[in-house]
Amino acid sequence: MLARRQPGAAPHARQSGGPVRQPGQGTARLVAPGGRHRRPMPASLPDGAPALVLAVPAVGADGLSGATAEIATVLRVDNPALDVQVALIDHGGRGDPAGIRSVLADAAARRPAGSFSAVVIPQVITPYPAAIRELSDAISASGAKARIGEVYNTNALLAEALHHRLADAGLCRADRVRMFSITTSADGIILATVGGEEAVGTASVTAFLLSARLALPVMAASLDAKPTIEDAARQLHGMGVTGIALAPWVIGPAADPAADQAAAAAIGAKLCAPLGAHGNVVKLFSQSYGQVLSQFGGQEPDTQVSPPGGRHR
């Protein structure tokens, strides 16, 4: 006999293999991360709503192109009423139109005097203390009323995005559910982070989730601190791994592509693309903005700078 369906129950929809960008859906990230009940982007924004500023800790002059430009474009298309701006955190002063101070000053000038003018979201997915300090100093110097949002420590969505990047490069199976027997060229994975030891600690949680998805050993290591990429490679070789895949655990501009390539070559690993403008990454920026707005309920922030909170400071 078939089991009776409970009143009000509905069949669960099957999730597709790739992310689908839908405005206003999904989880969100508060300035202090954590919890399941997070706010998405509002369905509508009032006139004069604060700008969403993507703050890029770029290592080169092209930091505002590539993935950054793609993310900004998708955010504008998905949220036509949202004022999306991009800026380099450590680039120039007020006279440099690409610098964070100029972008914040412009956002403040186009809104009523003294109003909440910007939600600044660093384009990083792990704690990056140096970039956060520079960003906080720039906001204070600009005189704009702004809040810093965040997208890091969102491990499940980012693990899924990284799974897709590895599969695109042929380094892991694309189908997690059916567990097809597919020949891949990697039997161990290293997540390459930037931002010091704290970034490695955050990425280790995602490494655990990715390992569970793929049934492969996954380790986090750093391009600029310890444990190094070589340290992680030695550990994987000691576990019997013969083919390593190196996955840049960055959106894009925060790390030099040449450093990723050199690290992969040094351990004989194959390299996949950074997360870039993956749908889950774009979703997290949108949700971070919506969460900051919901936190203040349309009121002005009490202070000009609010450093990211949560466990990983």
Protein backbone atom coordinates (compact mmCIF):
# COMPACT_ATOMS: atom_id res chain seq x y z
CA MET A 1 0.00 0.00 0.00
CA LEU A 2 1.27 3.45 -0.86
CA ALA A 3 2.06 5.72 2.07
CA ARG A 4 -0.43 8.50 2.60
CA ARG A 5 0.80 11.95 1.75
CA GLN A 6 0.68 14.36 4.67
CA PRO A 7 -1.53 17.43 4.29
CA GLY A 8 0.35 20.38 2.91
CA ALA A 9 3.31 18.28 1.85
CA ALA A 10 4.80 18.83 -1.54
CA PRO A 11 7.27 16.76 -3.49
CA HIS A 12 10.81 17.99 -3.34
CA ALA A 13 12.03 19.43 -6.62
CA ARG A 14 15.16 17.84 -8.00
CA GLN A 15 18.12 20.15 -7.97
CA SER A 16 19.83 20.77 -11.28
CA GLY A 17 23.50 20.12 -11.77
CA GLY A 18 24.46 23.80 -12.08
CA PRO A 19 23.47 26.93 -10.19
CA VAL A 20 20.60 29.03 -11.48
CA ARG A 21 20.63 32.74 -10.74
CA GLN A 22 17.29 33.82 -9.38
CA PRO A 23 17.02 37.23 -7.71
CA GLY A 24 15.83 37.16 -4.14
CA GLN A 25 16.30 33.46 -3.50
CA GLY A 26 18.73 31.41 -1.47
CA THR A 27 20.60 31.96 1.72
CA ALA A 28 22.18 35.26 2.64
CA ARG A 29 25.15 36.53 4.54
CA LEU A 30 24.94 39.05 7.34
CA VAL A 31 27.86 41.29 8.25
CA ALA A 32 28.29 38.72 11.01
CA PRO A 33 27.93 35.33 9.27
CA GLY A 34 26.07 32.29 10.48
CA GLY A 35 22.55 30.93 10.92
CA ARG A 36 20.11 29.50 8.43
CA HIS A 37 17.66 32.42 8.35
CA ARG A 38 19.35 34.95 6.15
CA ARG A 39 17.91 37.77 4.09
CA PRO A 40 17.97 37.80 0.28
CA MET A 41 18.09 40.87 -1.91
CA PRO A 42 14.90 42.93 -1.42
CA ALA A 43 12.33 42.56 -4.20
CA SER A 44 12.38 46.33 -4.66
CA LEU A 45 14.74 49.09 -3.62
CA PRO A 46 13.80 52.66 -2.69
CA ASP A 47 15.22 55.68 -4.46
CA GLY A 48 18.59 56.54 -3.01
CA ALA A 49 19.26 53.00 -1.77
CA PRO A 50 22.93 52.47 -0.95
CA ALA A 51 25.24 51.32 -3.71
CA LEU A 52 26.69 47.84 -3.74
CA VAL A 53 30.44 48.31 -4.09
CA LEU A 54 32.54 45.28 -5.05
CA ALA A 55 35.91 46.00 -3.43
CA VAL A 56 38.70 44.13 -5.17
CA PRO A 57 42.04 43.35 -3.49
CA ALA A 58 43.69 43.11 -6.88
CA VAL A 59 47.29 42.17 -7.47
CA GLY A 60 47.34 43.80 -10.91
CA ALA A 61 45.95 46.74 -12.85
CA ASP A 62 43.37 44.50 -14.54
CA GLY A 63 41.56 43.69 -11.29
CA LEU A 64 38.33 45.34 -12.44
CA SER A 65 38.07 43.27 -15.61
CA GLY A 66 37.46 39.56 -16.03
CA ALA A 67 35.52 37.95 -13.19
CA THR A 68 34.88 41.28 -11.45
CA ALA A 69 33.25 42.79 -14.53
CA GLU A 70 31.20 39.64 -15.09
CA ILE A 71 29.92 39.59 -11.50
CA ALA A 72 28.98 43.28 -11.68
CA THR A 73 27.16 42.74 -14.98
CA VAL A 74 25.09 39.83 -13.66
CA LEU A 75 24.20 41.76 -10.50
CA ARG A 76 22.98 44.70 -12.59
CA VAL A 77 20.93 42.46 -14.88
CA ASP A 78 19.38 40.52 -12.01
CA ASN A 79 18.71 43.68 -9.96
CA PRO A 80 18.05 46.60 -12.35
CA ALA A 81 17.32 49.07 -9.52
CA LEU A 82 20.62 48.32 -7.77
CA ASP A 83 23.54 50.72 -8.15
CA VAL A 84 26.52 48.35 -8.60
CA GLN A 85 30.03 49.82 -8.51
CA VAL A 86 33.48 48.25 -8.55
CA ALA A 87 36.66 49.59 -6.94
CA LEU A 88 40.21 48.59 -6.14
CA ILE A 89 40.95 48.56 -2.42
CA ASP A 90 44.64 49.43 -2.60
CA HIS A 91 44.74 51.61 -5.69
CA GLY A 92 45.28 55.36 -5.66
CA GLY A 93 43.51 58.03 -3.64
CA ARG A 94 40.55 60.33 -4.19
CA GLY A 95 41.90 61.39 -7.56
CA ASP A 96 41.91 57.83 -8.92
CA PRO A 97 38.44 56.97 -10.28
CA ALA A 98 39.14 53.23 -9.86
CA GLY A 99 40.12 53.58 -6.20
CA ILE A 100 37.75 52.81 -3.34
CA ARG A 101 37.89 56.35 -1.94
CA SER A 102 36.76 57.94 -5.19
CA VAL A 103 33.97 55.40 -5.69
CA LEU A 104 32.67 55.92 -2.14
CA ALA A 105 32.87 59.71 -2.46
CA ASP A 106 30.89 59.54 -5.70
CA ALA A 107 28.25 57.27 -4.12
CA ALA A 108 27.85 59.71 -1.22
CA ALA A 109 27.62 62.72 -3.55
CA ARG A 110 24.72 61.15 -5.48
CA ARG A 111 22.64 60.61 -2.32
CA PRO A 112 21.18 62.91 0.34
CA ALA A 113 23.81 64.38 2.61
CA GLY A 114 24.65 62.13 5.53
CA SER A 115 22.65 59.17 4.25
CA PHE A 116 23.71 55.53 4.19
CA SER A 117 25.48 55.52 0.83
CA ALA A 118 27.17 52.15 0.28
CA VAL A 119 27.44 48.50 1.22
CA VAL A 120 31.03 47.55 0.51
CA ILE A 121 31.65 43.84 -0.07
CA PRO A 122 35.26 42.68 -0.38
CA GLN A 123 35.61 40.30 -3.29
CA VAL A 124 37.18 37.58 -1.17
CA ILE A 125 35.87 34.26 0.09
CA THR A 126 38.23 33.75 3.02
CA PRO A 127 39.31 36.08 5.81
CA TYR A 128 41.82 38.50 4.31
CA PRO A 129 42.95 40.74 7.21
CA ALA A 130 45.27 42.97 5.18
CA ALA A 131 42.57 43.78 2.62
CA ILE A 132 39.96 44.39 5.32
CA ARG A 133 42.27 46.80 7.15
CA GLU A 134 42.98 48.73 3.97
CA LEU A 135 39.29 48.84 3.14
CA SER A 136 38.33 50.06 6.62
CA ASP A 137 40.94 52.81 6.47
CA ALA A 138 39.72 53.87 3.02
CA ILE A 139 36.09 54.07 4.16
CA SER A 140 37.04 56.15 7.18
CA ALA A 141 39.15 58.48 5.04
CA SER A 142 36.40 58.92 2.45
CA GLY A 143 33.88 60.24 4.98
CA ALA A 144 31.12 58.13 3.43
CA LYS A 145 28.61 56.28 5.59
CA ALA A 146 29.18 52.70 4.57
CA ARG A 147 29.03 49.17 5.91
CA ILE A 148 31.26 46.24 5.07
CA GLY A 149 29.43 43.05 4.12
CA GLU A 150 31.02 39.68 3.53
CA VAL A 151 30.58 36.49 1.57
CA TYR A 152 33.19 34.23 3.15
CA ASN A 153 32.52 31.28 5.45
CA THR A 154 29.68 30.15 3.16
CA ASN A 155 31.15 26.73 2.66
CA ALA A 156 28.35 24.65 1.13
CA LEU A 157 27.61 26.98 -1.79
CA LEU A 158 31.28 27.53 -2.49
CA ALA A 159 32.07 23.81 -2.31
CA GLU A 160 29.43 23.24 -4.97
CA ALA A 161 30.91 26.00 -7.14
CA LEU A 162 34.40 24.56 -6.82
CA HIS A 163 33.06 21.10 -7.69
CA HIS A 164 31.78 22.57 -10.95
CA ARG A 165 35.14 24.23 -11.73
CA LEU A 166 37.00 20.97 -11.18
CA ALA A 167 34.50 19.07 -13.31
CA ASP A 168 34.79 21.66 -16.10
CA ALA A 169 38.53 20.93 -16.19
CA GLY A 170 37.95 17.17 -16.26
CA LEU A 171 39.56 16.73 -12.85
CA CYS A 172 36.58 15.18 -11.07
CA ARG A 173 33.23 13.66 -11.94
CA ALA A 174 30.46 16.13 -12.62
CA ASP A 175 27.64 14.02 -11.18
CA ARG A 176 27.65 13.71 -7.40
CA VAL A 177 24.23 12.02 -7.03
CA ARG A 178 24.41 9.12 -9.47
CA MET A 179 28.09 8.43 -8.78
CA PHE A 180 28.86 7.44 -12.35
CA SER A 181 32.17 5.66 -12.77
CA ILE A 182 34.07 8.32 -14.70
CA THR A 183 37.81 8.29 -15.27
CA THR A 184 39.36 11.51 -13.97
CA SER A 185 42.96 12.64 -13.83
CA ALA A 186 43.04 13.54 -10.13
CA ASP A 187 42.64 11.43 -7.02
CA GLY A 188 43.50 14.21 -4.55
CA ILE A 189 42.77 17.94 -4.45
CA ILE A 190 44.45 20.98 -2.89
CA LEU A 191 42.55 24.23 -2.32
CA ALA A 192 45.04 27.07 -2.87
CA THR A 193 44.21 30.07 -0.67
CA VAL A 194 45.61 33.56 -0.14
CA GLY A 195 45.31 35.65 2.99
CA GLY A 196 47.45 33.78 5.51
CA GLU A 197 46.85 30.95 7.95
CA GLU A 198 43.34 32.11 8.86
CA ALA A 199 42.25 31.72 5.26
CA VAL A 200 43.53 28.14 5.30
CA GLY A 201 41.46 27.43 8.41
CA THR A 202 38.27 28.64 6.76
CA ALA A 203 39.00 26.80 3.51
CA SER A 204 39.56 23.58 5.48
CA VAL A 205 35.85 23.43 6.28
CA THR A 206 35.04 23.69 2.58
CA ALA A 207 37.72 21.09 1.84
CA PHE A 208 35.91 18.68 4.16
CA LEU A 209 32.58 19.29 2.38
CA LEU A 210 34.17 18.92 -1.04
CA SER A 211 35.84 15.69 0.04
CA ALA A 212 32.44 14.34 1.05
CA ARG A 213 30.97 15.33 -2.32
CA LEU A 214 33.73 13.70 -4.35
CA ALA A 215 34.89 10.85 -2.09
CA LEU A 216 38.45 12.10 -2.59
CA PRO A 217 41.00 13.53 -0.13
CA VAL A 218 40.93 17.33 -0.21
CA MET A 219 43.33 19.62 1.67
CA ALA A 220 43.61 23.39 2.05
CA ALA A 221 46.99 25.12 1.72
CA SER A 222 48.32 28.63 1.22
CA LEU A 223 50.13 30.47 -1.51
CA ASP A 224 51.44 33.03 1.00
CA ALA A 225 51.65 31.26 4.38
CA LYS A 226 51.79 27.84 6.01
CA PRO A 227 50.86 25.12 5.37
CA THR A 228 52.26 25.59 1.89
CA ILE A 229 51.12 23.92 -1.31
CA GLU A 230 54.20 21.69 -1.11
CA ASP A 231 53.30 20.66 2.45
CA ALA A 232 49.83 19.58 1.34
CA ALA A 233 51.23 17.73 -1.67
CA ARG A 234 53.58 15.72 0.55
CA GLN A 235 50.67 14.75 2.79
CA LEU A 236 48.58 13.63 -0.15
CA HIS A 237 51.45 11.62 -1.62
CA GLY A 238 51.84 9.98 1.79
CA MET A 239 48.18 8.93 1.56
CA GLY A 240 48.83 7.22 -1.78
CA VAL A 241 47.57 9.98 -4.05
CA THR A 242 49.26 9.93 -7.45
CA GLY A 243 47.40 12.67 -9.31
CA ILE A 244 46.83 16.04 -7.65
CA ALA A 245 44.51 18.81 -8.81
CA LEU A 246 45.17 22.36 -7.61
CA ALA A 247 42.03 24.48 -7.23
CA PRO A 248 42.51 28.24 -6.74
CA TRP A 249 40.25 29.07 -3.77
CA VAL A 250 39.71 32.65 -4.93
CA ILE A 251 37.19 34.52 -7.02
CA GLY A 252 39.96 35.74 -9.27
CA PRO A 253 41.75 39.05 -8.75
CA ALA A 254 42.98 38.32 -5.20
CA ALA A 255 45.64 35.93 -6.48
CA ASP A 256 48.13 36.20 -9.31
CA PRO A 257 47.36 33.55 -11.96
CA ALA A 258 51.11 33.14 -12.47
CA ALA A 259 51.46 32.14 -8.81
CA ASP A 260 48.77 29.48 -9.24
CA GLN A 261 50.49 28.13 -12.33
CA ALA A 262 53.90 28.09 -10.65
CA ALA A 263 52.52 26.30 -7.59
CA ALA A 264 50.85 23.67 -9.76
CA ALA A 265 54.01 23.14 -11.78
CA ALA A 266 56.13 22.82 -8.62
CA ILE A 267 54.14 19.80 -7.41
CA GLY A 268 53.26 18.36 -10.82
CA ALA A 269 49.55 19.10 -10.40
CA LYS A 270 46.86 20.02 -12.88
CA LEU A 271 45.08 23.35 -12.42
CA CYS A 272 41.42 24.31 -12.68
CA ALA A 273 39.99 27.82 -13.07
CA PRO A 274 39.25 30.08 -10.09
CA LEU A 275 35.66 30.38 -8.90
CA GLY A 276 35.18 33.56 -10.94
CA ALA A 277 31.62 34.63 -11.73
CA HIS A 278 30.06 31.30 -10.83
CA GLY A 279 26.34 31.57 -10.12
CA ASN A 280 26.80 30.77 -6.43
CA VAL A 281 29.39 33.53 -6.07
CA VAL A 282 27.09 36.10 -7.67
CA LYS A 283 24.26 34.92 -5.43
CA LEU A 284 26.35 35.45 -2.32
CA PHE A 285 27.16 39.07 -3.20
CA SER A 286 23.50 39.82 -3.78
CA GLN A 287 22.48 38.18 -0.53
CA SER A 288 25.19 39.93 1.47
CA TYR A 289 23.86 43.29 0.30
CA GLY A 290 20.28 42.33 1.16
CA GLN A 291 21.32 41.12 4.59
CA VAL A 292 23.05 44.38 5.48
CA LEU A 293 19.95 46.33 4.44
CA SER A 294 17.69 44.10 6.51
CA GLN A 295 19.95 44.48 9.53
CA PHE A 296 19.47 48.23 9.60
CA GLY A 297 15.82 48.28 8.55
CA GLY A 298 16.34 51.34 6.38
CA GLN A 299 18.05 53.28 9.18
CA GLU A 300 21.48 54.84 9.05
CA PRO A 301 24.41 52.84 10.40
CA ASP A 302 25.70 54.08 13.74
CA THR A 303 29.30 54.07 12.57
CA GLN A 304 31.02 54.48 9.26
CA VAL A 305 32.87 51.16 9.32
CA SER A 306 31.66 47.78 10.49
CA PRO A 307 34.37 45.11 10.24
CA PRO A 308 33.12 41.62 9.36
CA GLY A 309 32.11 39.59 12.38
CA GLY A 310 31.59 35.92 13.10
CA ARG A 311 34.04 33.25 14.17
CA HIS A 312 36.72 33.97 11.58
CA ARG A 313 37.97 37.50 12.28
